[in-house]
Amino acid sequence: MFVWDTSVELKRVPVSTGGSATITFTVPESATARRYWVESRCDGDESMTQTVPFRVTGTDKPSVVVPGVVGLNADQARKALADKGLLLGRTSGDGDKIQSQNPAAGKEVASGSKVDVDLGKLPPLVAVPNLVDGSQESAEAALASVGLKLGSVEGRGDVVRVQNPVAGREVRRGTAVDISVVSLPPQTVTVPDLVGASAAEVPTILRGRWLVLGQVSGDGDVVRQQSPKAGSRVRIGSAVTISTAVGVDPPRLVQVPDLVGGRLAAARSALTAVGLVPGGSQEGDRDIASQQPVAGTLVPAGTTVTLTVVQPLPWRAAAAALVLLLGIGAVGYRILRKRLEHRWVRGKVRVTARQTPAAAPTITESRTTKPMPVVRIEPHADAGRSILEEV
């Protein structure tokens, strides 16, 4: 028996006693330029073994540089190797990306050689946590704790209502979970008036107030009693029980119009047009600040809609404010005027002092026969006077 490189059997040749055997073989294609051994063995007599070394100096196929395929998937690696004249060899592992290769990138091998790759292991699956009814911040923290991340966020609000994938589904680490959010509902709500309403419409009316329908007694079509009573404040999600009457026609439901921001006169007309009754302050024609029930609520025709108007400023306070503004304006005007006058005098008027010359004295004596005292008046020089001249 002849063996190539101590492991690959080449050929078995039967030999009689005293005979000899020879073979001719082809060097395997996987052989590279290095030293090999061909060994001859005698079956049944291990002492009859001879090994002959020889060196492979070259092959008929040109050598190529092995490209790097780490990080690629199997299909991408197969194409990259084929572009270099190589083949994808043994593939191990169950991951998505190649983690290692043999021969390594940059090594020269014969064209047509195979490159073995290892895909590694898939990351472990994790269960998606429940995010519904929590905040967006708590959802992001819960996902990060299990190796997941927050994906797209639809809607506006504080509370998660929908998630995808759903809670409990097993996904790979790093998967993004999309959520939809809504506004946080109030803690308590007002129970609507259901008496006289159609029993079939009650679930829709309650759902619009974050309430649910509880026990229903009676076989009628119209609500005759309810508990809690209309106007009560209860926690969201509370149940409202009703009893129905037979033989009573259900009322016509209408939708409450949006009146906030409009004028009172126009609101009264709009409510009357749809069969509702305006309530609250009806004085003047002021702007509407709020309404109850809110816009969009379905209520029976004839329901009173309470309107709250914007309160005007009291007349005394308004008068005081007006007097204060006028006073401030008058003081400011006087200050400004005085400053302007000073500026005008400084720029337009100058004072010139001129001295008036003294007049010559005149003495008049009496011509009477009787002597009499004489008073002499001597004029003196005038200190002068100031003359204002416009510049």
Protein backbone atom coordinates (compact mmCIF):
# COMPACT_ATOMS: atom_id res chain seq x y z
CA MET A 1 0.00 0.00 0.00
CA PHE A 2 1.26 3.47 -0.94
CA VAL A 3 0.30 6.49 1.19
CA TRP A 4 0.62 10.21 0.29
CA ASP A 5 1.83 12.57 3.02
CA THR A 6 1.25 9.88 5.73
CA SER A 7 -2.53 10.12 5.50
CA VAL A 8 -3.94 9.90 1.96
CA GLU A 9 -3.99 6.38 0.47
CA LEU A 10 -2.82 6.38 -3.14
CA LYS A 11 -2.99 2.76 -4.27
CA ARG A 12 -2.84 -0.86 -3.07
CA VAL A 13 -0.69 -3.27 -5.14
CA PRO A 14 -0.68 -7.08 -4.46
CA VAL A 15 2.88 -8.48 -4.20
CA SER A 16 3.91 -12.16 -4.16
CA THR A 17 6.73 -13.51 -2.02
CA GLY A 18 10.03 -12.09 -3.23
CA GLY A 19 8.28 -9.67 -5.63
CA SER A 20 8.18 -5.85 -5.82
CA ALA A 21 5.61 -3.14 -6.59
CA THR A 22 5.71 0.26 -8.25
CA ILE A 23 3.02 2.92 -8.85
CA THR A 24 2.56 6.11 -10.81
CA PHE A 25 0.40 8.80 -9.17
CA THR A 26 -0.67 12.41 -9.67
CA VAL A 27 0.13 15.01 -7.05
CA PRO A 28 -3.16 16.09 -5.42
CA GLU A 29 -4.53 19.48 -6.48
CA SER A 30 -4.45 20.68 -2.88
CA ALA A 31 -0.66 20.33 -2.77
CA THR A 32 1.34 23.53 -2.44
CA ALA A 33 5.02 24.24 -2.92
CA ARG A 34 6.53 22.43 0.09
CA ARG A 35 8.04 19.09 1.19
CA TYR A 36 5.89 15.91 1.18
CA TRP A 37 6.35 12.15 1.87
CA VAL A 38 5.26 9.01 0.05
CA GLU A 39 5.23 5.94 2.24
CA SER A 40 5.09 2.23 1.22
CA ARG A 41 3.66 -0.21 3.75
CA CYS A 42 3.24 -3.97 3.85
CA ASP A 43 -0.08 -5.05 5.26
CA GLY A 44 0.45 -7.58 8.01
CA ASP A 45 4.09 -6.65 8.61
CA GLU A 46 4.55 -3.14 10.00
CA SER A 47 8.34 -3.56 10.02
CA MET A 48 8.33 -3.45 6.23
CA THR A 49 7.80 0.33 5.80
CA GLN A 50 9.77 2.84 3.77
CA THR A 51 9.27 6.60 3.44
CA VAL A 52 10.61 8.70 0.55
CA PRO A 53 10.56 12.50 0.89
CA PHE A 54 10.26 14.89 -2.07
CA ARG A 55 9.35 18.54 -2.66
CA VAL A 56 6.56 20.02 -4.74
CA THR A 57 8.08 23.01 -6.51
CA GLY A 58 5.04 24.39 -8.36
CA THR A 59 1.59 23.72 -9.77
CA ASP A 60 -0.10 24.38 -13.05
CA LYS A 61 -2.58 26.79 -11.41
CA PRO A 62 -1.62 30.42 -10.67
CA SER A 63 -1.67 31.64 -7.08
CA VAL A 64 -4.18 34.27 -5.88
CA VAL A 65 -4.52 36.37 -2.72
CA VAL A 66 -7.39 35.29 -0.48
CA PRO A 67 -9.84 38.20 0.03
CA GLY A 68 -11.28 39.05 3.45
CA VAL A 69 -14.83 37.76 3.87
CA VAL A 70 -15.25 38.27 7.63
CA GLY A 71 -18.43 40.27 8.29
CA LEU A 72 -20.14 39.12 5.08
CA ASN A 73 -22.98 36.64 4.84
CA ALA A 74 -22.52 33.35 3.00
CA ASP A 75 -23.86 34.58 -0.34
CA GLN A 76 -21.72 37.71 -0.28
CA ALA A 77 -18.63 35.64 0.62
CA ARG A 78 -19.29 33.16 -2.20
CA LYS A 79 -19.43 36.00 -4.73
CA ALA A 80 -16.31 37.71 -3.36
CA LEU A 81 -14.33 34.44 -3.54
CA ALA A 82 -15.59 33.65 -7.04
CA ASP A 83 -14.36 37.04 -8.24
CA LYS A 84 -10.87 35.93 -7.17
CA GLY A 85 -11.14 32.45 -8.68
CA LEU A 86 -11.72 30.75 -5.30
CA LEU A 87 -14.50 28.61 -3.88
CA LEU A 88 -16.49 28.76 -0.66
CA GLY A 89 -15.55 25.65 1.29
CA ARG A 90 -16.93 24.21 4.51
CA THR A 91 -19.41 26.48 6.34
CA SER A 92 -19.93 26.06 10.07
CA GLY A 93 -22.10 27.88 12.62
CA ASP A 94 -25.66 29.14 12.43
CA GLY A 95 -25.13 32.92 12.56
CA ASP A 96 -25.77 35.53 9.90
CA LYS A 97 -22.28 36.94 9.43
CA ILE A 98 -18.90 35.25 8.92
CA GLN A 99 -16.79 35.42 12.07
CA SER A 100 -13.58 33.77 10.81
CA GLN A 101 -12.07 32.25 7.62
CA ASN A 102 -9.37 29.74 6.66
CA PRO A 103 -7.06 30.48 4.81
CA ALA A 104 -6.84 33.97 6.31
CA ALA A 105 -7.21 37.09 4.21
CA GLY A 106 -4.02 38.08 2.35
CA LYS A 107 -2.60 34.56 2.07
CA GLU A 108 -1.56 33.29 -1.38
CA VAL A 109 -3.21 30.03 -2.52
CA ALA A 110 -3.68 28.22 -5.78
CA SER A 111 -6.54 29.36 -7.98
CA GLY A 112 -9.61 27.22 -7.38
CA SER A 113 -8.78 26.59 -3.72
CA LYS A 114 -11.55 26.50 -1.13
CA VAL A 115 -11.93 28.92 1.77
CA ASP A 116 -13.66 27.59 4.87
CA VAL A 117 -15.73 30.00 6.96
CA ASP A 118 -17.38 30.05 10.39
CA LEU A 119 -20.66 31.96 10.83
CA GLY A 120 -20.60 31.82 14.64
CA LYS A 121 -23.68 31.51 16.80
CA LEU A 122 -26.98 33.37 16.54
CA PRO A 123 -27.64 35.79 19.42
CA PRO A 124 -30.11 34.45 21.98
CA LEU A 125 -33.78 35.39 21.59
CA VAL A 126 -35.44 37.64 24.18
CA ALA A 127 -39.11 38.19 24.99
CA VAL A 128 -40.55 41.62 24.17
CA PRO A 129 -41.74 43.30 27.41
CA ASN A 130 -45.24 44.73 27.79
CA LEU A 131 -45.16 48.48 27.09
CA VAL A 132 -48.90 49.22 26.88
CA ASP A 133 -50.29 51.70 29.46
CA GLY A 134 -46.78 52.86 30.38
CA SER A 135 -45.00 56.09 29.44
CA GLN A 136 -42.63 56.47 26.52
CA GLU A 137 -39.70 56.90 28.91
CA SER A 138 -40.52 53.70 30.81
CA ALA A 139 -40.94 51.84 27.50
CA GLU A 140 -37.46 52.87 26.36
CA ALA A 141 -35.95 51.79 29.68
CA ALA A 142 -37.76 48.42 29.63
CA LEU A 143 -36.54 47.68 26.10
CA ALA A 144 -32.94 48.61 26.93
CA SER A 145 -32.97 46.28 29.95
CA VAL A 146 -33.48 43.24 27.67
CA GLY A 147 -31.22 44.34 24.83
CA LEU A 148 -33.91 45.84 22.58
CA LYS A 149 -34.36 49.40 21.35
CA LEU A 150 -37.20 51.83 20.74
CA GLY A 151 -38.26 52.16 17.12
CA SER A 152 -40.72 54.63 15.61
CA VAL A 153 -43.17 56.57 17.81
CA GLU A 154 -46.55 57.47 16.31
CA GLY A 155 -49.07 59.90 17.78
CA ARG A 156 -48.76 62.56 20.46
CA GLY A 157 -49.21 61.96 24.15
CA ASP A 158 -47.80 60.29 27.24
CA VAL A 159 -49.30 56.78 27.33
CA VAL A 160 -48.38 53.80 25.10
CA ARG A 161 -51.48 52.26 23.52
CA VAL A 162 -50.03 49.92 20.83
CA GLN A 163 -46.67 48.16 20.40
CA ASN A 164 -45.17 46.09 17.58
CA PRO A 165 -43.92 43.36 18.09
CA VAL A 166 -46.49 42.53 20.76
CA ALA A 167 -45.52 41.64 24.32
CA GLY A 168 -44.19 38.11 24.81
CA ARG A 169 -42.92 37.56 21.26
CA GLU A 170 -39.32 36.30 21.11
CA VAL A 171 -37.01 38.36 18.93
CA ARG A 172 -33.28 38.80 18.52
CA ARG A 173 -31.34 41.27 20.64
CA GLY A 174 -31.14 44.70 19.02
CA THR A 175 -34.60 44.46 17.46
CA ALA A 176 -36.52 47.77 17.34
CA VAL A 177 -40.02 47.89 18.85
CA ASP A 178 -42.45 50.48 17.43
CA ILE A 179 -45.08 52.12 19.63
CA SER A 180 -48.12 54.42 19.34
CA VAL A 181 -48.88 56.92 22.10
CA VAL A 182 -51.96 58.92 23.16
CA SER A 183 -52.59 61.77 25.57
CA LEU A 184 -52.87 60.93 29.25
CA PRO A 185 -56.57 60.83 30.23
CA PRO A 186 -57.87 62.76 33.27
CA GLN A 187 -57.98 60.99 36.63
CA THR A 188 -61.70 61.68 37.13
CA VAL A 189 -64.52 62.43 34.71
CA THR A 190 -68.11 63.64 34.91
CA VAL A 191 -70.83 61.05 34.45
CA PRO A 192 -73.05 62.05 31.49
CA ASP A 193 -76.84 62.20 31.66
CA LEU A 194 -78.08 58.93 30.16
CA VAL A 195 -81.73 59.09 31.19
CA GLY A 196 -83.85 59.17 28.04
CA ALA A 197 -81.00 58.04 25.81
CA SER A 198 -81.14 54.95 23.61
CA ALA A 199 -79.70 51.91 25.37
CA ALA A 200 -77.87 51.00 22.18
CA GLU A 201 -76.01 54.33 22.19
CA VAL A 202 -74.98 54.20 25.87
CA PRO A 203 -71.65 52.31 25.34
CA THR A 204 -70.56 54.90 22.77
CA ILE A 205 -71.51 57.81 25.03
CA LEU A 206 -69.66 56.29 27.99
CA ARG A 207 -66.61 55.43 25.92
CA GLY A 208 -66.32 59.12 24.95
CA ARG A 209 -66.03 59.92 28.69
CA TRP A 210 -63.52 57.12 29.50
CA LEU A 211 -66.27 55.09 31.20
CA VAL A 212 -67.75 51.62 30.60
CA LEU A 213 -71.22 50.16 30.70
CA GLY A 214 -71.94 48.11 33.81
CA GLN A 215 -75.03 46.03 34.63
CA VAL A 216 -78.14 46.58 32.49
CA SER A 217 -81.57 45.76 33.92
CA GLY A 218 -84.83 45.75 32.02
CA ASP A 219 -85.72 44.78 28.46
CA GLY A 220 -86.49 48.24 27.10
CA ASP A 221 -84.77 50.44 24.56
CA VAL A 222 -84.58 53.69 26.53
CA VAL A 223 -82.65 54.43 29.74
CA ARG A 224 -84.91 55.42 32.65
CA GLN A 225 -82.41 55.24 35.54
CA GLN A 226 -78.64 55.30 35.95
CA SER A 227 -76.04 54.92 38.68
CA PRO A 228 -73.93 56.95 39.42
CA LYS A 229 -76.23 59.85 38.67
CA ALA A 230 -75.49 62.43 36.01
CA GLY A 231 -72.93 65.06 37.01
CA SER A 232 -71.07 62.85 39.50
CA ARG A 233 -67.26 62.80 39.39
CA VAL A 234 -65.84 59.28 39.17
CA ARG A 235 -62.50 57.71 38.28
CA ILE A 236 -61.84 56.89 34.66
CA GLY A 237 -62.79 53.36 33.71
CA SER A 238 -65.68 53.27 36.21
CA ALA A 239 -68.81 51.31 35.30
CA VAL A 240 -72.21 52.96 34.96
CA THR A 241 -75.27 50.75 35.52
CA ILE A 242 -78.58 51.50 33.82
CA SER A 243 -82.17 50.29 33.78
CA THR A 244 -84.30 50.56 30.69
CA ALA A 245 -87.99 51.15 29.98
CA VAL A 246 -90.21 49.45 27.39
CA GLY A 247 -92.41 51.24 24.89
CA VAL A 248 -90.55 54.58 24.99
CA ASP A 249 -89.12 55.95 21.80
CA PRO A 250 -85.41 56.72 22.08
CA PRO A 251 -84.48 60.37 21.70
CA ARG A 252 -82.65 61.83 18.77
CA LEU A 253 -78.92 62.16 19.52
CA VAL A 254 -77.07 65.23 18.29
CA GLN A 255 -73.42 66.18 18.36
CA VAL A 256 -72.41 69.13 20.53
CA PRO A 257 -70.81 71.82 18.32
CA ASP A 258 -67.48 73.48 19.14
CA LEU A 259 -68.33 76.86 20.65
CA VAL A 260 -65.15 77.82 22.55
CA GLY A 261 -63.63 81.06 21.25
CA GLY A 262 -66.82 82.22 19.54
CA ARG A 263 -69.33 84.87 20.57
CA LEU A 264 -72.25 84.14 22.87
CA ALA A 265 -74.94 85.22 20.40
CA ALA A 266 -73.57 82.96 17.67
CA ALA A 267 -73.31 80.05 20.14
CA ARG A 268 -76.94 80.42 21.18
CA SER A 269 -77.98 80.30 17.52
CA ALA A 270 -75.80 77.23 16.82
CA LEU A 271 -77.20 75.31 19.81
CA THR A 272 -80.78 76.15 18.95
CA ALA A 273 -80.23 75.07 15.34
CA VAL A 274 -79.26 71.51 16.39
CA GLY A 275 -81.93 71.19 19.08
CA LEU A 276 -79.82 71.93 22.18
CA VAL A 277 -80.42 74.45 24.94
CA PRO A 278 -77.85 77.13 25.84
CA GLY A 279 -77.09 77.36 29.56
CA GLY A 280 -74.88 79.42 31.84
CA SER A 281 -74.51 83.20 31.71
CA GLN A 282 -76.57 84.74 28.92
CA GLU A 283 -75.69 88.41 29.52
CA GLY A 284 -74.20 90.45 26.71
CA ASP A 285 -72.35 89.04 23.74
CA ARG A 286 -68.97 88.13 25.17
CA ASP A 287 -66.43 85.49 24.08
CA ILE A 288 -66.93 81.89 25.24
CA ALA A 289 -64.14 80.50 27.44
CA SER A 290 -65.41 76.90 27.91
CA GLN A 291 -68.40 74.63 27.38
CA GLN A 292 -69.89 71.51 28.97
CA PRO A 293 -70.44 68.94 27.44
CA VAL A 294 -67.33 69.31 25.29
CA ALA A 295 -67.48 69.55 21.52
CA GLY A 296 -68.19 66.30 19.68
CA THR A 297 -70.15 64.64 22.51
CA LEU A 298 -73.35 62.84 21.46
CA VAL A 299 -76.24 63.95 23.66
CA PRO A 300 -80.03 63.71 23.40
CA ALA A 301 -81.81 66.60 21.73
CA GLY A 302 -82.90 69.15 24.31
CA THR A 303 -79.78 68.74 26.47
CA THR A 304 -78.51 71.93 28.10
CA VAL A 305 -75.01 73.00 27.11
CA THR A 306 -73.47 75.19 29.81
CA LEU A 307 -71.45 78.09 28.42
CA THR A 308 -68.83 79.98 30.42
CA VAL A 309 -67.97 83.40 29.02
CA VAL A 310 -64.88 85.55 29.44
CA GLN A 311 -65.54 87.93 32.36
CA PRO A 312 -65.10 91.63 31.48
CA LEU A 313 -62.91 93.92 33.57
CA PRO A 314 -65.02 95.68 36.33
CA TRP A 315 -65.88 99.30 35.38
CA ARG A 316 -64.39 100.78 38.54
CA ALA A 317 -61.11 99.02 38.00
CA ALA A 318 -61.18 100.05 34.35
CA ALA A 319 -61.85 103.67 35.29
CA ALA A 320 -59.05 103.67 37.85
CA ALA A 321 -56.68 102.19 35.31
CA LEU A 322 -57.71 104.84 32.77
CA VAL A 323 -57.17 107.70 35.27
CA LEU A 324 -53.78 106.25 36.19
CA LEU A 325 -52.76 106.05 32.54
CA LEU A 326 -53.94 109.62 31.89
CA GLY A 327 -52.01 110.87 34.94
CA ILE A 328 -48.86 109.12 33.84
CA GLY A 329 -49.32 110.55 30.36
CA ALA A 330 -49.80 114.13 31.67
CA VAL A 331 -46.70 113.97 33.89
CA GLY A 332 -44.68 112.54 31.08
CA TYR A 333 -45.89 115.26 28.72
CA ARG A 334 -44.92 118.04 31.14
CA ILE A 335 -41.47 116.58 31.71
CA LEU A 336 -40.92 116.19 28.00
CA ARG A 337 -42.18 119.71 27.26
CA LYS A 338 -39.94 121.25 29.89
CA ARG A 339 -36.91 119.47 28.50
CA LEU A 340 -37.76 120.62 24.99
CA GLU A 341 -38.18 124.26 26.15
CA HIS A 342 -34.79 124.20 27.88
CA ARG A 343 -33.19 122.81 24.74
CA TRP A 344 -34.86 125.54 22.62
CA VAL A 345 -33.73 128.39 24.93
CA ARG A 346 -30.16 127.08 25.01
CA GLY A 347 -30.08 126.83 21.23
CA LYS A 348 -32.17 129.87 20.18
CA VAL A 349 -31.75 132.67 22.83
CA ARG A 350 -28.70 134.60 24.08
CA VAL A 351 -28.44 137.44 26.62
CA THR A 352 -26.57 140.63 25.69
CA ALA A 353 -25.88 143.22 28.48
CA ARG A 354 -25.80 146.85 27.26
CA GLN A 355 -24.95 149.89 29.53
CA THR A 356 -27.11 153.01 29.20
CA PRO A 357 -25.08 156.26 29.27
CA ALA A 358 -25.79 158.73 32.10
CA ALA A 359 -27.79 161.88 31.22
CA ALA A 360 -26.33 165.32 31.89
CA PRO A 361 -27.76 166.97 35.05
CA THR A 362 -30.28 169.82 34.64
CA ILE A 363 -30.68 172.44 37.42
CA THR A 364 -33.74 174.62 37.52
CA GLU A 365 -33.90 177.44 40.08
CA SER A 366 -37.00 179.22 41.24
CA ARG A 367 -37.55 182.78 39.97
CA THR A 368 -39.80 183.81 42.80
CA THR A 369 -38.91 186.67 45.12
CA LYS A 370 -38.96 184.59 48.17
CA PRO A 371 -35.97 182.53 48.87
CA MET A 372 -36.72 178.78 48.95
CA PRO A 373 -34.70 175.62 49.33
CA VAL A 374 -33.21 174.16 46.19
CA VAL A 375 -33.12 170.43 45.56
CA ARG A 376 -30.43 169.28 43.16
CA ILE A 377 -30.84 165.92 41.48
CA GLU A 378 -27.72 164.43 39.98
CA PRO A 379 -28.23 161.45 37.64
CA HIS A 380 -25.93 158.49 37.92
CA ALA A 381 -24.87 155.90 35.37
CA ASP A 382 -27.41 153.11 34.73
CA ALA A 383 -26.20 149.62 35.62
CA GLY A 384 -27.52 148.55 32.30
CA ARG A 385 -30.26 146.20 31.20
CA SER A 386 -30.33 142.74 29.59
CA ILE A 387 -31.75 142.24 26.12
CA LEU A 388 -32.85 138.83 24.87
CA GLU A 389 -32.07 138.30 21.23
CA GLU A 390 -33.14 135.33 19.13
CA VAL A 391 -30.20 133.64 17.53
